[in-house]
Protein backbone atom coordinates (compact mmCIF):
# COMPACT_ATOMS: atom_id res chain seq x y z
CA MET A 1 14.45 14.89 -22.69
CA LEU A 2 11.45 13.11 -24.25
CA VAL A 3 12.11 11.06 -27.37
CA ALA A 4 9.41 9.26 -29.35
CA ILE A 5 9.74 5.47 -29.29
CA ALA A 6 7.55 2.71 -30.70
CA THR A 7 9.15 -0.64 -29.98
CA ASP A 8 10.57 -2.50 -26.99
CA TYR A 9 13.52 -4.07 -28.78
CA SER A 10 14.32 -6.41 -25.87
CA ASN A 11 11.33 -8.59 -26.72
CA ASN A 12 10.13 -7.21 -30.09
CA LYS A 13 6.78 -6.30 -28.54
CA THR A 14 5.51 -2.89 -29.55
CA MET A 15 4.61 -0.34 -26.92
CA ASN A 16 1.11 -0.34 -28.37
CA ASP A 17 0.84 -4.08 -27.68
CA ILE A 18 1.91 -3.60 -24.06
CA LEU A 19 -0.61 -0.79 -23.60
CA PHE A 20 -3.39 -2.76 -25.30
CA ASP A 21 -2.67 -5.79 -23.08
CA PHE A 22 -3.07 -3.62 -20.00
CA LEU A 23 -6.27 -1.97 -21.21
CA SER A 24 -7.77 -5.35 -22.14
CA LYS A 25 -8.11 -6.03 -18.41
CA TYR A 26 -10.81 -3.37 -18.37
CA ILE A 27 -12.40 -3.38 -21.84
CA SER A 28 -12.03 -5.36 -25.05
CA LEU A 29 -10.70 -2.90 -27.62
CA THR A 30 -12.02 -2.87 -31.17
CA ASP A 31 -9.63 -2.49 -34.10
CA ASP A 32 -10.87 1.09 -34.62
CA GLU A 33 -10.15 1.93 -30.98
CA LYS A 34 -6.68 0.39 -31.18
CA ASN A 35 -5.94 2.33 -34.37
CA ALA A 36 -7.10 5.56 -32.71
CA LEU A 37 -4.74 5.02 -29.78
CA ALA A 38 -1.87 3.98 -32.07
CA SER A 39 -2.24 7.22 -34.04
CA LEU A 40 -1.71 9.44 -30.99
CA ASP A 41 2.11 9.13 -30.74
CA LEU A 42 1.85 8.48 -26.99
CA PHE A 43 5.19 6.86 -26.25
CA ARG A 44 8.27 8.62 -24.95
CA SER A 45 11.71 7.41 -23.92
CA VAL A 46 12.85 9.45 -20.92
CA LYS A 47 16.35 9.56 -19.49
CA LYS A 48 17.11 8.96 -15.80
CA GLY A 49 17.16 12.26 -13.93
CA THR A 50 14.68 14.00 -16.24
CA THR A 51 12.24 16.28 -14.42
CA LEU A 52 8.81 15.87 -15.99
CA LEU A 53 7.05 18.47 -13.85
CA LYS A 54 8.27 21.17 -11.47
CA GLU A 55 6.56 22.89 -8.57
CA GLY A 56 4.74 25.96 -9.89
CA GLN A 57 4.38 24.59 -13.43
CA GLN A 58 1.05 23.89 -15.08
CA THR A 59 0.53 20.84 -17.26
CA LYS A 60 -2.15 18.82 -19.00
CA ASP A 61 0.01 15.68 -19.16
CA SER A 62 -0.67 12.32 -17.51
CA TYR A 63 1.81 9.43 -17.47
CA PHE A 64 1.58 5.67 -17.77
CA VAL A 65 4.79 3.74 -17.05
CA LEU A 66 5.57 0.94 -19.50
CA LYS A 67 9.16 0.54 -18.31
CA GLY A 68 11.16 2.28 -15.60
CA CYS A 69 10.30 4.28 -12.49
CA ILE A 70 9.16 7.82 -11.79
CA ARG A 71 8.54 9.51 -8.45
CA THR A 72 6.67 12.46 -6.98
CA TYR A 73 8.23 14.67 -4.33
CA TYR A 74 7.90 18.01 -2.57
CA ILE A 75 10.75 20.28 -1.55
CA VAL A 76 10.30 21.38 2.06
CA ASP A 77 12.98 23.56 3.67
CA SER A 78 15.36 22.66 0.83
CA GLU A 79 14.83 18.95 1.46
CA GLU A 80 13.13 16.49 -0.91
CA LYS A 81 10.13 14.67 0.55
CA THR A 82 9.24 11.69 -1.66
CA THR A 83 5.54 10.82 -1.68
CA ALA A 84 5.20 8.06 -4.29
CA PHE A 85 6.92 5.83 -6.82
CA TYR A 86 5.32 4.64 -10.05
CA THR A 87 6.69 1.60 -11.88
CA GLU A 88 5.57 -0.69 -14.72
CA MET A 89 1.83 -0.66 -15.47
CA GLU A 90 1.11 2.23 -13.07
CA ALA A 91 -0.44 5.57 -14.00
CA LEU A 92 0.01 9.08 -12.65
CA THR A 93 -2.29 12.02 -13.29
CA PRO A 94 -0.80 14.95 -11.34
CA ASN A 95 -3.31 16.74 -9.12
CA CYS A 96 -2.71 19.98 -10.99
CA VAL A 97 -4.10 18.44 -14.19
CA ILE A 98 -7.47 17.96 -12.50
CA SER A 99 -7.45 21.23 -10.54
CA LYS A 100 -5.99 23.23 -13.47
CA THR A 101 -3.65 25.01 -11.07
CA PRO A 102 0.17 25.14 -10.76
CA SER A 103 1.72 21.94 -9.46
CA GLU A 104 2.60 21.75 -5.76
CA TYR A 105 5.20 19.03 -6.32
CA TYR A 106 7.80 17.62 -8.70
CA VAL A 107 7.68 14.54 -10.94
CA SER A 108 10.98 13.03 -12.10
CA CYS A 109 12.46 9.82 -13.54
CA ILE A 110 14.77 7.80 -11.33
CA GLU A 111 15.45 5.27 -14.09
CA ASP A 112 15.58 5.41 -17.87
CA SER A 113 11.88 5.01 -18.60
CA ILE A 114 9.38 4.47 -21.39
CA LEU A 115 6.14 6.34 -20.77
CA ALA A 116 2.81 6.76 -22.48
CA VAL A 117 2.14 10.49 -22.19
CA SER A 118 -1.40 11.74 -22.79
CA ASN A 119 -3.02 15.10 -22.19
CA THR A 120 -6.50 16.39 -21.49
CA ASP A 121 -6.98 17.84 -25.01
CA MET A 122 -6.08 14.47 -26.53
CA GLU A 123 -8.44 12.67 -24.15
CA VAL A 124 -11.37 14.96 -25.00
CA GLU A 125 -10.86 14.35 -28.72
CA VAL A 126 -10.62 10.57 -28.35
CA ASN A 127 -13.53 10.36 -25.91
CA SER A 128 -15.76 12.28 -28.34
CA LYS A 129 -15.04 9.70 -31.07
CA PHE A 130 -15.00 6.66 -28.80
CA PRO A 131 -17.26 7.18 -25.74
CA ARG A 132 -16.11 3.89 -24.17
CA PHE A 133 -12.72 5.46 -23.51
CA GLU A 134 -14.36 7.88 -21.09
CA ILE A 135 -15.75 4.90 -19.15
CA LEU A 136 -12.29 3.31 -19.20
CA CYS A 137 -10.62 6.49 -17.93
CA ARG A 138 -13.16 6.73 -15.13
CA LYS A 139 -12.53 3.11 -14.09
CA LEU A 140 -8.77 3.67 -14.06
CA SER A 141 -9.13 6.91 -12.08
CA GLU A 142 -11.39 5.28 -9.50
CA GLU A 143 -9.01 2.34 -9.11
CA LEU A 144 -6.01 4.65 -8.72
CA LEU A 145 -7.81 6.84 -6.19
CA ALA A 146 -8.84 3.82 -4.12
CA LYS A 147 -5.28 2.46 -4.14
CA LYS A 148 -3.85 5.83 -3.08
CA GLN A 149 -6.32 6.03 -0.19
CA ILE A 150 -5.45 2.51 1.01
CA ASP A 151 -1.72 3.26 0.78
CA PHE A 152 -2.19 6.55 2.66
CA ASP A 153 -4.22 4.90 5.44
CA LYS A 154 -1.60 2.16 5.85
CA PHE A 155 1.16 4.75 5.98
CA LYS A 156 -0.57 6.90 8.62
CA THR A 157 -1.36 3.97 10.90
CA SER A 158 1.98 2.14 10.79
CA SER A 159 5.44 2.53 12.30
CA PRO A 160 8.51 3.11 10.08
CA GLU A 161 9.48 -0.55 10.55
CA GLN A 162 6.02 -1.73 9.54
CA ARG A 163 6.06 0.61 6.51
CA TYR A 164 9.33 -0.95 5.41
CA LEU A 165 7.99 -4.48 5.93
CA ASN A 166 4.84 -3.59 3.99
CA LEU A 167 7.03 -2.32 1.16
CA LEU A 168 9.08 -5.52 1.20
CA GLU A 169 5.88 -7.51 0.87
CA SER A 170 4.00 -5.41 -1.67
CA ARG A 171 6.78 -3.83 -3.78
CA PRO A 172 10.07 -5.63 -3.11
CA ASP A 173 11.59 -4.41 -6.40
CA LEU A 174 11.67 -0.84 -5.06
CA ILE A 175 14.20 -1.83 -2.38
CA GLN A 176 16.77 -2.51 -5.11
CA ARG A 177 15.68 0.09 -7.66
CA VAL A 178 15.34 3.22 -5.53
CA PRO A 179 18.27 5.15 -3.97
CA GLN A 180 18.34 4.73 -0.19
CA HIS A 181 17.87 8.43 0.59
CA GLN A 182 14.71 8.54 -1.57
CA LEU A 183 13.40 5.32 -0.04
CA ALA A 184 14.02 6.70 3.45
CA SER A 185 12.22 9.92 2.57
CA TYR A 186 9.25 7.90 1.26
CA LEU A 187 9.13 5.95 4.55
CA GLY A 188 9.28 9.18 6.53
CA ILE A 189 12.67 8.56 8.15
CA LYS A 190 16.32 9.60 7.73
CA PRO A 191 18.72 7.44 5.64
CA GLN A 192 20.69 6.61 8.82
CA SER A 193 17.50 5.39 10.48
CA LEU A 194 16.75 3.20 7.47
CA SER A 195 20.23 1.65 7.69
CA ARG A 196 19.70 0.90 11.38
CA LEU A 197 16.24 -0.52 10.68
CA ARG A 198 17.64 -2.85 8.02
CA ALA A 199 20.44 -3.97 10.33
CA ARG A 200 17.90 -4.64 13.10
CA LEU A 201 15.77 -6.78 10.80
CA VAL A 202 18.82 -8.76 9.69
CA GLU A 203 19.68 -9.43 13.35
CA LYS A 204 16.16 -10.68 14.00
CA LYS A 205 16.49 -13.20 11.18
CA SER A 206 19.88 -14.52 12.34
């Protein structure tokens, strides 16, 4: 269930402020541009376990995680195959949004999350009023695509143990935040194999 939310009460910083801080890494927003974004009602509070997108569904929505964690996964022979996790300050535009076809995978929340949810109609309207947003979206898309390609190349050329070590180095928070069976699926191994791998690494340290 998506519920509109405007403020992060844990630190009294508005969701707009958090989003603006992130975007300022790419462009310096004018007051008019900030007001345009603030008027869009982008922010949603999403409960753990919520499915944002199902296989076979069509959507125009893209997601930016302000707090929490979402994942993408396929169902193959009745088994979930996790392909990615998205946490704070990471964006996801499902492939089906670009291809305008039904989704081939699922998107769900594995934690209570706060998301900025935009759609292609909204983006067209804003870009027509503020052309710099189109440049910003292109920069973000290019950066995301490059990151996905690097991650994919690392995954294809490494062993399960090396994938786990890479995860420990680059995204150690996931080890604690993600259920073991989903983490194992992401690494391309069974949960039992992940347990043995962890035990083996502990032995090496001792």
